[in-house]
Amino acid sequence: MTSHDAVQKVRRVIRQKKVGHTGTLDPDATGLLVLTLGKATRLTRFFIQAPKVYEGTVRFGTSTDTYDASGDVTAERPTDGLSEDAVRAAMAELEGTYEQIPPPYCAKKINGVKYYELARRGEEVPLEPKEVTVYGFELVDALADGQITFRMSCSSGTYARSLAHELGEKLGTGAHLSSLRRLQVGGFSVQNAVTVQELARRLETGEPVEPAWIPFDAVPLPFAEVVTDAQQERRLLHGQSVLLRDLAGEEGDWVKLLNRRNEFIAVGSVVERIGAGGVGLVQPKIVFT
């Protein structure tokens, strides 16, 4: 099931046309897919950029053209002498911020054409690196039978397949990603998620869907929130800027705006800081009426 398939299935289950997802999962990957529903689809962009946590396995000795288990084998090399210490050291070298080259078989586009479409046609795929950050890349299980289990926390847009490929090249054995599961997207955890089938069953029986289902007013955005008074609320709902106190952050930062009843009414941007007392001018960018 692709991410698009999941969206289509949920649309039918909840009878809701407006459903979006916050970051594609490869068809071979499993785990968490955060969906936005109804008016929350207007918030999708804020979750796409959230950091991710994955768990998966890397198999050494075999390289593939897709950098994962679904591709054709391009090289096989011996793994004799490969040590766990060497694997740990190479993994540590892949932590940090650097330019990563995406795998040739991916959904990244150039001139409207996806990389994997070019690759399947036998055309040259441009090697355009992208800055990514790997916050942590560590072993979960010991090296055994030429394979490791790892956990990785990373910025949005980081390719675990490329990381597996790079790890194999560093060790001189070659490698590919043999499995991958997404555990976390920002503040959302797979432990609180439900399958599409379970969602349908709970809705049919009237069982609660929480904590998988998060009410709109409680959506955890990755920036600070501020409660407004009645006058400020009116101005915001008419698209007008407001002067707010107790603002965290700097000019250009996003702010989640609530009314006195703690209802989510808008997302704004700090356009000007005034003085040193946490006062700033906020312009509403997305208004919910």
C-alpha atoms as a PDB file:
ATOM      1  CA  MET A   1       0.000   0.000   0.000  1.00  0.00           C
ATOM      2  CA  THR A   2       1.431   3.366  -1.032  1.00  0.00           C
ATOM      3  CA  SER A   3       0.866   6.611   0.887  1.00  0.00           C
ATOM      4  CA  HIS A   4      -1.644   7.602  -1.817  1.00  0.00           C
ATOM      5  CA  ASP A   5      -3.465   4.284  -1.346  1.00  0.00           C
ATOM      6  CA  ALA A   6      -3.707   4.950   2.397  1.00  0.00           C
ATOM      7  CA  VAL A   7      -5.247   8.380   1.775  1.00  0.00           C
ATOM      8  CA  GLN A   8      -7.810   6.900  -0.631  1.00  0.00           C
ATOM      9  CA  LYS A   9      -8.775   4.143   1.823  1.00  0.00           C
ATOM     10  CA  VAL A  10      -9.202   6.593   4.709  1.00  0.00           C
ATOM     11  CA  ARG A  11     -11.335   8.872   2.516  1.00  0.00           C
ATOM     12  CA  ARG A  12     -13.760   6.009   2.003  1.00  0.00           C
ATOM     13  CA  VAL A  13     -13.732   4.896   5.634  1.00  0.00           C
ATOM     14  CA  ILE A  14     -14.443   8.312   7.152  1.00  0.00           C
ATOM     15  CA  ARG A  15     -16.443   9.666   4.187  1.00  0.00           C
ATOM     16  CA  GLN A  16     -14.241  12.737   4.051  1.00  0.00           C
ATOM     17  CA  LYS A  17     -12.985  14.131   0.736  1.00  0.00           C
ATOM     18  CA  LYS A  18     -10.275  16.331   2.195  1.00  0.00           C
ATOM     19  CA  VAL A  19      -7.506  14.019   3.410  1.00  0.00           C
ATOM     20  CA  GLY A  20      -3.776  14.646   3.067  1.00  0.00           C
ATOM     21  CA  HIS A  21      -0.611  12.887   4.195  1.00  0.00           C
ATOM     22  CA  THR A  22       2.452  14.466   5.741  1.00  0.00           C
ATOM     23  CA  GLY A  23       5.305  12.592   4.096  1.00  0.00           C
ATOM     24  CA  THR A  24       5.518   9.740   1.611  1.00  0.00           C
ATOM     25  CA  LEU A  25       6.529   6.261   2.740  1.00  0.00           C
ATOM     26  CA  ASP A  26       8.201   4.004   0.194  1.00  0.00           C
ATOM     27  CA  PRO A  27       5.876   1.121  -0.800  1.00  0.00           C
ATOM     28  CA  ASP A  28       8.220  -1.388   0.880  1.00  0.00           C
ATOM     29  CA  ALA A  29       8.329   0.592   4.134  1.00  0.00           C
ATOM     30  CA  THR A  30       5.901   0.204   7.029  1.00  0.00           C
ATOM     31  CA  GLY A  31       4.985   2.246  10.055  1.00  0.00           C
ATOM     32  CA  LEU A  32       3.568   5.662  10.765  1.00  0.00           C
ATOM     33  CA  LEU A  33       1.758   7.804   8.198  1.00  0.00           C
ATOM     34  CA  VAL A  34       0.270  10.974   9.677  1.00  0.00           C
ATOM     35  CA  LEU A  35      -2.897  12.104   7.872  1.00  0.00           C
ATOM     36  CA  THR A  36      -4.585  15.492   8.002  1.00  0.00           C
ATOM     37  CA  LEU A  37      -8.382  15.634   7.683  1.00  0.00           C
ATOM     38  CA  GLY A  38     -10.808  18.373   6.705  1.00  0.00           C
ATOM     39  CA  LYS A  39      -9.602  21.877   7.507  1.00  0.00           C
ATOM     40  CA  ALA A  40      -6.459  20.412   9.073  1.00  0.00           C
ATOM     41  CA  THR A  41      -5.222  19.671   5.535  1.00  0.00           C
ATOM     42  CA  ARG A  42      -4.203  23.344   5.456  1.00  0.00           C
ATOM     43  CA  LEU A  43      -1.607  22.491   8.121  1.00  0.00           C
ATOM     44  CA  THR A  44       0.020  19.656   6.173  1.00  0.00           C
ATOM     45  CA  ARG A  45       3.111  21.655   5.196  1.00  0.00           C
ATOM     46  CA  PHE A  46       4.065  22.181   8.845  1.00  0.00           C
ATOM     47  CA  PHE A  47       4.224  18.431   9.498  1.00  0.00           C
ATOM     48  CA  ILE A  48       6.029  17.474   6.278  1.00  0.00           C
ATOM     49  CA  GLN A  49       9.147  19.251   7.545  1.00  0.00           C
ATOM     50  CA  ALA A  50       9.058  17.560  10.975  1.00  0.00           C
ATOM     51  CA  PRO A  51      12.014  15.317  11.943  1.00  0.00           C
ATOM     52  CA  LYS A  52      11.495  11.566  11.588  1.00  0.00           C
ATOM     53  CA  VAL A  53      12.588   8.439  13.490  1.00  0.00           C
ATOM     54  CA  TYR A  54      13.024   5.095  11.714  1.00  0.00           C
ATOM     55  CA  GLU A  55      14.042   1.553  12.570  1.00  0.00           C
ATOM     56  CA  GLY A  56      15.265  -0.856   9.930  1.00  0.00           C
ATOM     57  CA  THR A  57      17.805  -3.421   8.776  1.00  0.00           C
ATOM     58  CA  VAL A  58      20.848  -3.177   6.527  1.00  0.00           C
ATOM     59  CA  ARG A  59      22.280  -6.200   4.755  1.00  0.00           C
ATOM     60  CA  PHE A  60      25.966  -6.043   3.869  1.00  0.00           C
ATOM     61  CA  GLY A  61      27.659  -7.706   0.902  1.00  0.00           C
ATOM     62  CA  THR A  62      24.987  -6.982  -1.713  1.00  0.00           C
ATOM     63  CA  SER A  63      24.331  -3.683  -3.512  1.00  0.00           C
ATOM     64  CA  THR A  64      21.187  -2.994  -5.557  1.00  0.00           C
ATOM     65  CA  ASP A  65      20.198  -0.350  -8.087  1.00  0.00           C
ATOM     66  CA  THR A  66      17.395   0.939  -5.834  1.00  0.00           C
ATOM     67  CA  TYR A  67      19.517   0.750  -2.653  1.00  0.00           C
ATOM     68  CA  ASP A  68      16.849  -1.532  -1.117  1.00  0.00           C
ATOM     69  CA  ALA A  69      15.666  -5.141  -1.334  1.00  0.00           C
ATOM     70  CA  SER A  70      13.254  -4.519  -4.225  1.00  0.00           C
ATOM     71  CA  GLY A  71      15.999  -3.673  -6.738  1.00  0.00           C
ATOM     72  CA  ASP A  72      18.260  -5.660  -9.012  1.00  0.00           C
ATOM     73  CA  VAL A  73      21.615  -6.751  -7.601  1.00  0.00           C
ATOM     74  CA  THR A  74      24.452  -4.649  -9.014  1.00  0.00           C
ATOM     75  CA  ALA A  75      27.374  -6.050  -6.998  1.00  0.00           C
ATOM     76  CA  GLU A  76      28.211  -8.735  -4.456  1.00  0.00           C
ATOM     77  CA  ARG A  77      31.235  -8.512  -2.195  1.00  0.00           C
ATOM     78  CA  PRO A  78      32.519 -10.636   0.689  1.00  0.00           C
ATOM     79  CA  THR A  79      31.811  -9.597   4.266  1.00  0.00           C
ATOM     80  CA  ASP A  80      34.588 -11.669   5.827  1.00  0.00           C
ATOM     81  CA  GLY A  81      36.340  -9.662   8.484  1.00  0.00           C
ATOM     82  CA  LEU A  82      33.523  -7.142   8.895  1.00  0.00           C
ATOM     83  CA  SER A  83      33.437  -6.207  12.570  1.00  0.00           C
ATOM     84  CA  GLU A  84      30.800  -4.587  14.725  1.00  0.00           C
ATOM     85  CA  ASP A  85      33.296  -1.933  15.836  1.00  0.00           C
ATOM     86  CA  ALA A  86      33.927  -0.994  12.197  1.00  0.00           C
ATOM     87  CA  VAL A  87      30.171  -0.772  11.564  1.00  0.00           C
ATOM     88  CA  ARG A  88      29.654   1.464  14.596  1.00  0.00           C
ATOM     89  CA  ALA A  89      32.506   3.748  13.552  1.00  0.00           C
ATOM     90  CA  ALA A  90      31.170   4.073   9.990  1.00  0.00           C
ATOM     91  CA  MET A  91      27.661   4.796  11.275  1.00  0.00           C
ATOM     92  CA  ALA A  92      29.023   7.569  13.502  1.00  0.00           C
ATOM     93  CA  GLU A  93      30.673   9.162  10.464  1.00  0.00           C
ATOM     94  CA  LEU A  94      27.248   9.410   8.795  1.00  0.00           C
ATOM     95  CA  GLU A  95      25.776  11.464  11.625  1.00  0.00           C
ATOM     96  CA  GLY A  96      25.577  15.242  11.308  1.00  0.00           C
ATOM     97  CA  THR A  97      24.617  17.684   8.543  1.00  0.00           C
ATOM     98  CA  TYR A  98      25.881  17.047   5.015  1.00  0.00           C
ATOM     99  CA  GLU A  99      24.875  16.859   1.350  1.00  0.00           C
ATOM    100  CA  GLN A 100      23.139  13.557   0.574  1.00  0.00           C
ATOM    101  CA  ILE A 101      22.578  12.244  -2.954  1.00  0.00           C
ATOM    102  CA  PRO A 102      19.077  10.730  -3.276  1.00  0.00           C
ATOM    103  CA  PRO A 103      18.726   7.199  -4.694  1.00  0.00           C
ATOM    104  CA  PRO A 104      18.044   7.019  -8.452  1.00  0.00           C
ATOM    105  CA  TYR A 105      14.732   5.227  -7.845  1.00  0.00           C
ATOM    106  CA  CYS A 106      12.842   7.814  -5.785  1.00  0.00           C
ATOM    107  CA  ALA A 107       9.865  10.157  -6.141  1.00  0.00           C
ATOM    108  CA  LYS A 108      11.989  13.316  -6.304  1.00  0.00           C
ATOM    109  CA  LYS A 109      11.198  15.283  -9.485  1.00  0.00           C
ATOM    110  CA  ILE A 110      13.140  17.206 -12.110  1.00  0.00           C
ATOM    111  CA  ASN A 111      11.174  19.212 -14.678  1.00  0.00           C
ATOM    112  CA  GLY A 112       8.019  17.460 -13.476  1.00  0.00           C
ATOM    113  CA  VAL A 113       9.425  13.945 -14.066  1.00  0.00           C
ATOM    114  CA  LYS A 114      10.122  11.610 -11.138  1.00  0.00           C
ATOM    115  CA  TYR A 115      13.630  10.174 -10.760  1.00  0.00           C
ATOM    116  CA  TYR A 116      12.356   6.582 -10.844  1.00  0.00           C
ATOM    117  CA  GLU A 117      10.586   7.241 -14.163  1.00  0.00           C
ATOM    118  CA  LEU A 118      13.887   8.361 -15.684  1.00  0.00           C
ATOM    119  CA  ALA A 119      15.716   5.392 -14.163  1.00  0.00           C
ATOM    120  CA  ARG A 120      13.183   2.890 -15.487  1.00  0.00           C
ATOM    121  CA  ARG A 121      13.517   4.356 -18.981  1.00  0.00           C
ATOM    122  CA  GLY A 122      17.266   3.936 -18.770  1.00  0.00           C
ATOM    123  CA  GLU A 123      17.850   7.683 -18.841  1.00  0.00           C
ATOM    124  CA  GLU A 124      20.484   9.438 -16.781  1.00  0.00           C
ATOM    125  CA  VAL A 125      19.302  10.475 -13.330  1.00  0.00           C
ATOM    126  CA  PRO A 126      20.774  13.801 -12.135  1.00  0.00           C
ATOM    127  CA  LEU A 127      22.867  13.497  -8.999  1.00  0.00           C
ATOM    128  CA  GLU A 128      21.586  16.550  -7.144  1.00  0.00           C
ATOM    129  CA  PRO A 129      22.600  16.444  -3.476  1.00  0.00           C
ATOM    130  CA  LYS A 130      20.362  17.855  -0.757  1.00  0.00           C
ATOM    131  CA  GLU A 131      21.365  19.033   2.694  1.00  0.00           C
ATOM    132  CA  VAL A 132      20.105  16.638   5.359  1.00  0.00           C
ATOM    133  CA  THR A 133      20.776  16.135   9.055  1.00  0.00           C
ATOM    134  CA  VAL A 134      21.170  12.727  10.675  1.00  0.00           C
ATOM    135  CA  TYR A 135      20.729  13.340  14.394  1.00  0.00           C
ATOM    136  CA  GLY A 136      21.407   9.758  15.392  1.00  0.00           C
ATOM    137  CA  PHE A 137      22.350   6.526  13.560  1.00  0.00           C
ATOM    138  CA  GLU A 138      22.955   3.632  15.914  1.00  0.00           C
ATOM    139  CA  LEU A 139      22.797  -0.122  16.280  1.00  0.00           C
ATOM    140  CA  VAL A 140      19.782  -1.735  17.908  1.00  0.00           C
ATOM    141  CA  ASP A 141      20.977  -5.331  17.555  1.00  0.00           C
ATOM    142  CA  ALA A 142      24.484  -6.717  17.163  1.00  0.00           C
ATOM    143  CA  LEU A 143      25.961  -7.548  13.767  1.00  0.00           C
ATOM    144  CA  ALA A 144      24.836 -11.065  12.829  1.00  0.00           C
ATOM    145  CA  ASP A 145      24.754 -12.985   9.539  1.00  0.00           C
ATOM    146  CA  GLY A 146      25.975  -9.912   7.654  1.00  0.00           C
ATOM    147  CA  GLN A 147      23.040  -7.805   8.825  1.00  0.00           C
ATOM    148  CA  ILE A 148      22.310  -5.117  11.431  1.00  0.00           C
ATOM    149  CA  THR A 149      19.192  -3.538  12.897  1.00  0.00           C
ATOM    150  CA  PHE A 150      19.474   0.236  13.305  1.00  0.00           C
ATOM    151  CA  ARG A 151      17.559   3.225  14.603  1.00  0.00           C
ATOM    152  CA  MET A 152      17.879   6.587  12.867  1.00  0.00           C
ATOM    153  CA  SER A 153      16.562  10.049  13.712  1.00  0.00           C
ATOM    154  CA  CYS A 154      16.863  12.545  10.895  1.00  0.00           C
ATOM    155  CA  SER A 155      15.573  15.664   9.199  1.00  0.00           C
ATOM    156  CA  SER A 156      12.773  15.536   6.662  1.00  0.00           C
ATOM    157  CA  GLY A 157      13.951  14.444   3.220  1.00  0.00           C
ATOM    158  CA  THR A 158      16.696  12.108   4.452  1.00  0.00           C
ATOM    159  CA  TYR A 159      16.808   8.822   2.514  1.00  0.00           C
ATOM    160  CA  ALA A 160      17.435   5.750   4.686  1.00  0.00           C
ATOM    161  CA  ARG A 161      18.181   3.819   1.474  1.00  0.00           C
ATOM    162  CA  SER A 162      20.996   6.210   0.603  1.00  0.00           C
ATOM    163  CA  LEU A 163      22.326   5.971   4.146  1.00  0.00           C
ATOM    164  CA  ALA A 164      22.452   2.161   3.896  1.00  0.00           C
ATOM    165  CA  HIS A 165      24.219   2.420   0.527  1.00  0.00           C
ATOM    166  CA  GLU A 166      26.739   4.945   1.890  1.00  0.00           C
ATOM    167  CA  LEU A 167      27.392   2.750   4.915  1.00  0.00           C
ATOM    168  CA  GLY A 168      28.206  -0.221   2.678  1.00  0.00           C
ATOM    169  CA  GLU A 169      30.561   1.870   0.555  1.00  0.00           C
ATOM    170  CA  LYS A 170      32.391   3.170   3.624  1.00  0.00           C
ATOM    171  CA  LEU A 171      32.931  -0.404   4.838  1.00  0.00           C
ATOM    172  CA  GLY A 172      33.933  -1.689   1.405  1.00  0.00           C
ATOM    173  CA  THR A 173      31.332  -4.458   1.414  1.00  0.00           C
ATOM    174  CA  GLY A 174      28.422  -2.779  -0.297  1.00  0.00           C
ATOM    175  CA  ALA A 175      24.996  -2.852   1.363  1.00  0.00           C
ATOM    176  CA  HIS A 176      21.299  -2.270   0.854  1.00  0.00           C
ATOM    177  CA  LEU A 177      18.316  -1.431   3.028  1.00  0.00           C
ATOM    178  CA  SER A 178      16.424  -4.673   3.615  1.00  0.00           C
ATOM    179  CA  SER A 179      13.567  -3.279   5.741  1.00  0.00           C
ATOM    180  CA  LEU A 180      12.360   0.052   7.110  1.00  0.00           C
ATOM    181  CA  ARG A 181       9.685   1.128   9.593  1.00  0.00           C
ATOM    182  CA  ARG A 182       8.817   4.724  10.492  1.00  0.00           C
ATOM    183  CA  LEU A 183       8.327   5.115  14.246  1.00  0.00           C
ATOM    184  CA  GLN A 184       7.834   8.832  14.695  1.00  0.00           C
ATOM    185  CA  VAL A 185       7.000  12.054  12.833  1.00  0.00           C
ATOM    186  CA  GLY A 186       7.620  15.099  15.013  1.00  0.00           C
ATOM    187  CA  GLY A 187       5.468  14.574  18.097  1.00  0.00           C
ATOM    188  CA  PHE A 188       3.423  11.728  16.561  1.00  0.00           C
ATOM    189  CA  SER A 189       4.282   8.107  17.441  1.00  0.00           C
ATOM    190  CA  VAL A 190       3.382   4.853  15.731  1.00  0.00           C
ATOM    191  CA  GLN A 191       2.475   3.520  19.212  1.00  0.00           C
ATOM    192  CA  ASN A 192      -0.645   5.695  19.101  1.00  0.00           C
ATOM    193  CA  ALA A 193      -1.548   4.851  15.498  1.00  0.00           C
ATOM    194  CA  VAL A 194      -4.203   2.476  14.150  1.00  0.00           C
ATOM    195  CA  THR A 195      -4.416   0.549  10.900  1.00  0.00           C
ATOM    196  CA  VAL A 196      -7.019   1.524   8.307  1.00  0.00           C
ATOM    197  CA  GLN A 197      -8.902  -1.663   9.145  1.00  0.00           C
ATOM    198  CA  GLU A 198      -8.900  -0.886  12.868  1.00  0.00           C
ATOM    199  CA  LEU A 199     -10.040   2.684  12.178  1.00  0.00           C
ATOM    200  CA  ALA A 200     -13.001   1.370  10.173  1.00  0.00           C
ATOM    201  CA  ARG A 201     -13.909  -1.138  12.905  1.00  0.00           C
ATOM    202  CA  ARG A 202     -13.843   1.452  15.690  1.00  0.00           C
ATOM    203  CA  LEU A 203     -15.926   3.938  13.723  1.00  0.00           C
ATOM    204  CA  GLU A 204     -18.478   1.216  12.926  1.00  0.00           C
ATOM    205  CA  THR A 205     -18.763   0.053  16.555  1.00  0.00           C
ATOM    206  CA  GLY A 206     -18.609   3.530  18.076  1.00  0.00           C
ATOM    207  CA  GLU A 207     -15.400   2.810  19.978  1.00  0.00           C
ATOM    208  CA  PRO A 208     -13.107   5.803  20.654  1.00  0.00           C
ATOM    209  CA  VAL A 209     -10.374   6.369  18.103  1.00  0.00           C
ATOM    210  CA  GLU A 210      -8.179   8.434  20.430  1.00  0.00           C
ATOM    211  CA  PRO A 211      -5.219   8.790  20.732  1.00  0.00           C
ATOM    212  CA  ALA A 212      -4.855   8.027  17.022  1.00  0.00           C
ATOM    213  CA  TRP A 213      -7.495  10.668  16.263  1.00  0.00           C
ATOM    214  CA  ILE A 214      -6.442  14.139  17.479  1.00  0.00           C
ATOM    215  CA  PRO A 215      -9.101  16.881  17.703  1.00  0.00           C
ATOM    216  CA  PHE A 216      -8.387  19.937  15.560  1.00  0.00           C
ATOM    217  CA  ASP A 217      -7.959  22.342  18.479  1.00  0.00           C
ATOM    218  CA  ALA A 218      -5.375  20.036  20.067  1.00  0.00           C
ATOM    219  CA  VAL A 219      -3.226  19.502  16.948  1.00  0.00           C
ATOM    220  CA  PRO A 220       0.424  19.735  18.142  1.00  0.00           C
ATOM    221  CA  LEU A 221       2.155  22.162  15.806  1.00  0.00           C
ATOM    222  CA  PRO A 222       5.962  22.477  15.959  1.00  0.00           C
ATOM    223  CA  PHE A 223       5.942  26.057  17.235  1.00  0.00           C
ATOM    224  CA  ALA A 224       4.673  28.168  20.141  1.00  0.00           C
ATOM    225  CA  GLU A 225       1.043  29.056  20.770  1.00  0.00           C
ATOM    226  CA  VAL A 226      -0.524  32.257  22.123  1.00  0.00           C
ATOM    227  CA  VAL A 227      -4.011  32.890  23.533  1.00  0.00           C
ATOM    228  CA  THR A 228      -5.726  36.027  22.204  1.00  0.00           C
ATOM    229  CA  ASP A 229      -8.421  38.247  23.704  1.00  0.00           C
ATOM    230  CA  ALA A 230     -11.796  39.013  22.088  1.00  0.00           C
ATOM    231  CA  GLN A 231     -10.590  42.110  20.210  1.00  0.00           C
ATOM    232  CA  GLN A 232      -7.499  40.346  18.887  1.00  0.00           C
ATOM    233  CA  GLU A 233      -9.622  37.392  17.805  1.00  0.00           C
ATOM    234  CA  ARG A 234     -11.907  39.636  15.755  1.00  0.00           C
ATOM    235  CA  ARG A 235      -8.953  41.286  14.043  1.00  0.00           C
ATOM    236  CA  LEU A 236      -7.318  37.943  13.243  1.00  0.00           C
ATOM    237  CA  LEU A 237     -10.521  36.492  11.791  1.00  0.00           C
ATOM    238  CA  HIS A 238     -10.661  39.506   9.448  1.00  0.00           C
ATOM    239  CA  GLY A 239      -7.060  38.951   8.353  1.00  0.00           C
ATOM    240  CA  GLN A 240      -5.686  41.892  10.316  1.00  0.00           C
ATOM    241  CA  SER A 241      -2.400  41.985  12.216  1.00  0.00           C
ATOM    242  CA  VAL A 242      -2.417  42.039  16.024  1.00  0.00           C
ATOM    243  CA  LEU A 243       0.037  43.122  18.679  1.00  0.00           C
ATOM    244  CA  LEU A 244       0.703  40.210  21.052  1.00  0.00           C
ATOM    245  CA  ARG A 245       2.657  39.769  24.259  1.00  0.00           C
ATOM    246  CA  ASP A 246       4.594  36.773  25.572  1.00  0.00           C
ATOM    247  CA  LEU A 247       5.812  35.841  22.104  1.00  0.00           C
ATOM    248  CA  ALA A 248       8.654  33.363  21.822  1.00  0.00           C
ATOM    249  CA  GLY A 249      10.970  33.254  18.823  1.00  0.00           C
ATOM    250  CA  GLU A 250      12.073  35.786  16.267  1.00  0.00           C
ATOM    251  CA  GLU A 251      10.730  37.635  13.234  1.00  0.00           C
ATOM    252  CA  GLY A 252       9.510  35.151  10.618  1.00  0.00           C
ATOM    253  CA  ASP A 253       8.631  32.467  13.168  1.00  0.00           C
ATOM    254  CA  TRP A 254       5.214  30.818  13.080  1.00  0.00           C
ATOM    255  CA  VAL A 255       2.686  31.093  15.920  1.00  0.00           C
ATOM    256  CA  LYS A 256      -0.387  28.982  16.716  1.00  0.00           C
ATOM    257  CA  LEU A 257      -3.195  31.353  17.738  1.00  0.00           C
ATOM    258  CA  LEU A 258      -5.995  30.349  20.126  1.00  0.00           C
ATOM    259  CA  ASN A 259      -9.009  32.260  21.408  1.00  0.00           C
ATOM    260  CA  ARG A 260     -10.058  32.538  25.080  1.00  0.00           C
ATOM    261  CA  ARG A 261     -11.921  29.203  24.788  1.00  0.00           C
ATOM    262  CA  ASN A 262      -8.674  27.528  23.643  1.00  0.00           C
ATOM    263  CA  GLU A 263     -10.096  27.048  20.153  1.00  0.00           C
ATOM    264  CA  PHE A 264      -7.582  27.031  17.330  1.00  0.00           C
ATOM    265  CA  ILE A 265      -8.386  30.069  15.155  1.00  0.00           C
ATOM    266  CA  ALA A 266      -5.310  30.860  13.055  1.00  0.00           C
ATOM    267  CA  VAL A 267      -1.646  30.388  12.233  1.00  0.00           C
ATOM    268  CA  GLY A 268       0.312  33.615  12.095  1.00  0.00           C
ATOM    269  CA  SER A 269       3.812  34.845  11.394  1.00  0.00           C
ATOM    270  CA  VAL A 270       5.808  37.264  13.552  1.00  0.00           C
ATOM    271  CA  VAL A 271       6.458  40.232  11.252  1.00  0.00           C
ATOM    272  CA  GLU A 272       8.051  42.558  13.804  1.00  0.00           C
ATOM    273  CA  ARG A 273       9.504  42.370  17.322  1.00  0.00           C
ATOM    274  CA  ILE A 274       8.922  45.413  19.474  1.00  0.00           C
ATOM    275  CA  GLY A 275      11.212  46.028  22.415  1.00  0.00           C
ATOM    276  CA  ALA A 276      12.611  43.301  24.637  1.00  0.00           C
ATOM    277  CA  GLY A 277       9.488  42.247  26.534  1.00  0.00           C
ATOM    278  CA  GLY A 278       8.201  39.496  24.265  1.00  0.00           C
ATOM    279  CA  VAL A 279       5.944  41.890  22.338  1.00  0.00           C
ATOM    280  CA  GLY A 280       5.500  41.495  18.599  1.00  0.00           C
ATOM    281  CA  LEU A 281       3.259  42.132  15.631  1.00  0.00           C
ATOM    282  CA  VAL A 282       1.690  38.976  14.207  1.00  0.00           C
ATOM    283  CA  GLN A 283       0.137  38.680  10.751  1.00  0.00           C
ATOM    284  CA  PRO A 284      -2.416  35.849  10.282  1.00  0.00           C
ATOM    285  CA  LYS A 285      -1.490  33.568   7.372  1.00  0.00           C
ATOM    286  CA  ILE A 286      -4.064  30.767   7.755  1.00  0.00           C
ATOM    287  CA  VAL A 287      -7.409  31.668   9.340  1.00  0.00           C
ATOM    288  CA  PHE A 288     -10.045  29.154  10.418  1.00  0.00           C
ATOM    289  CA  THR A 289     -13.603  30.457  10.653  1.00  0.00           C
END
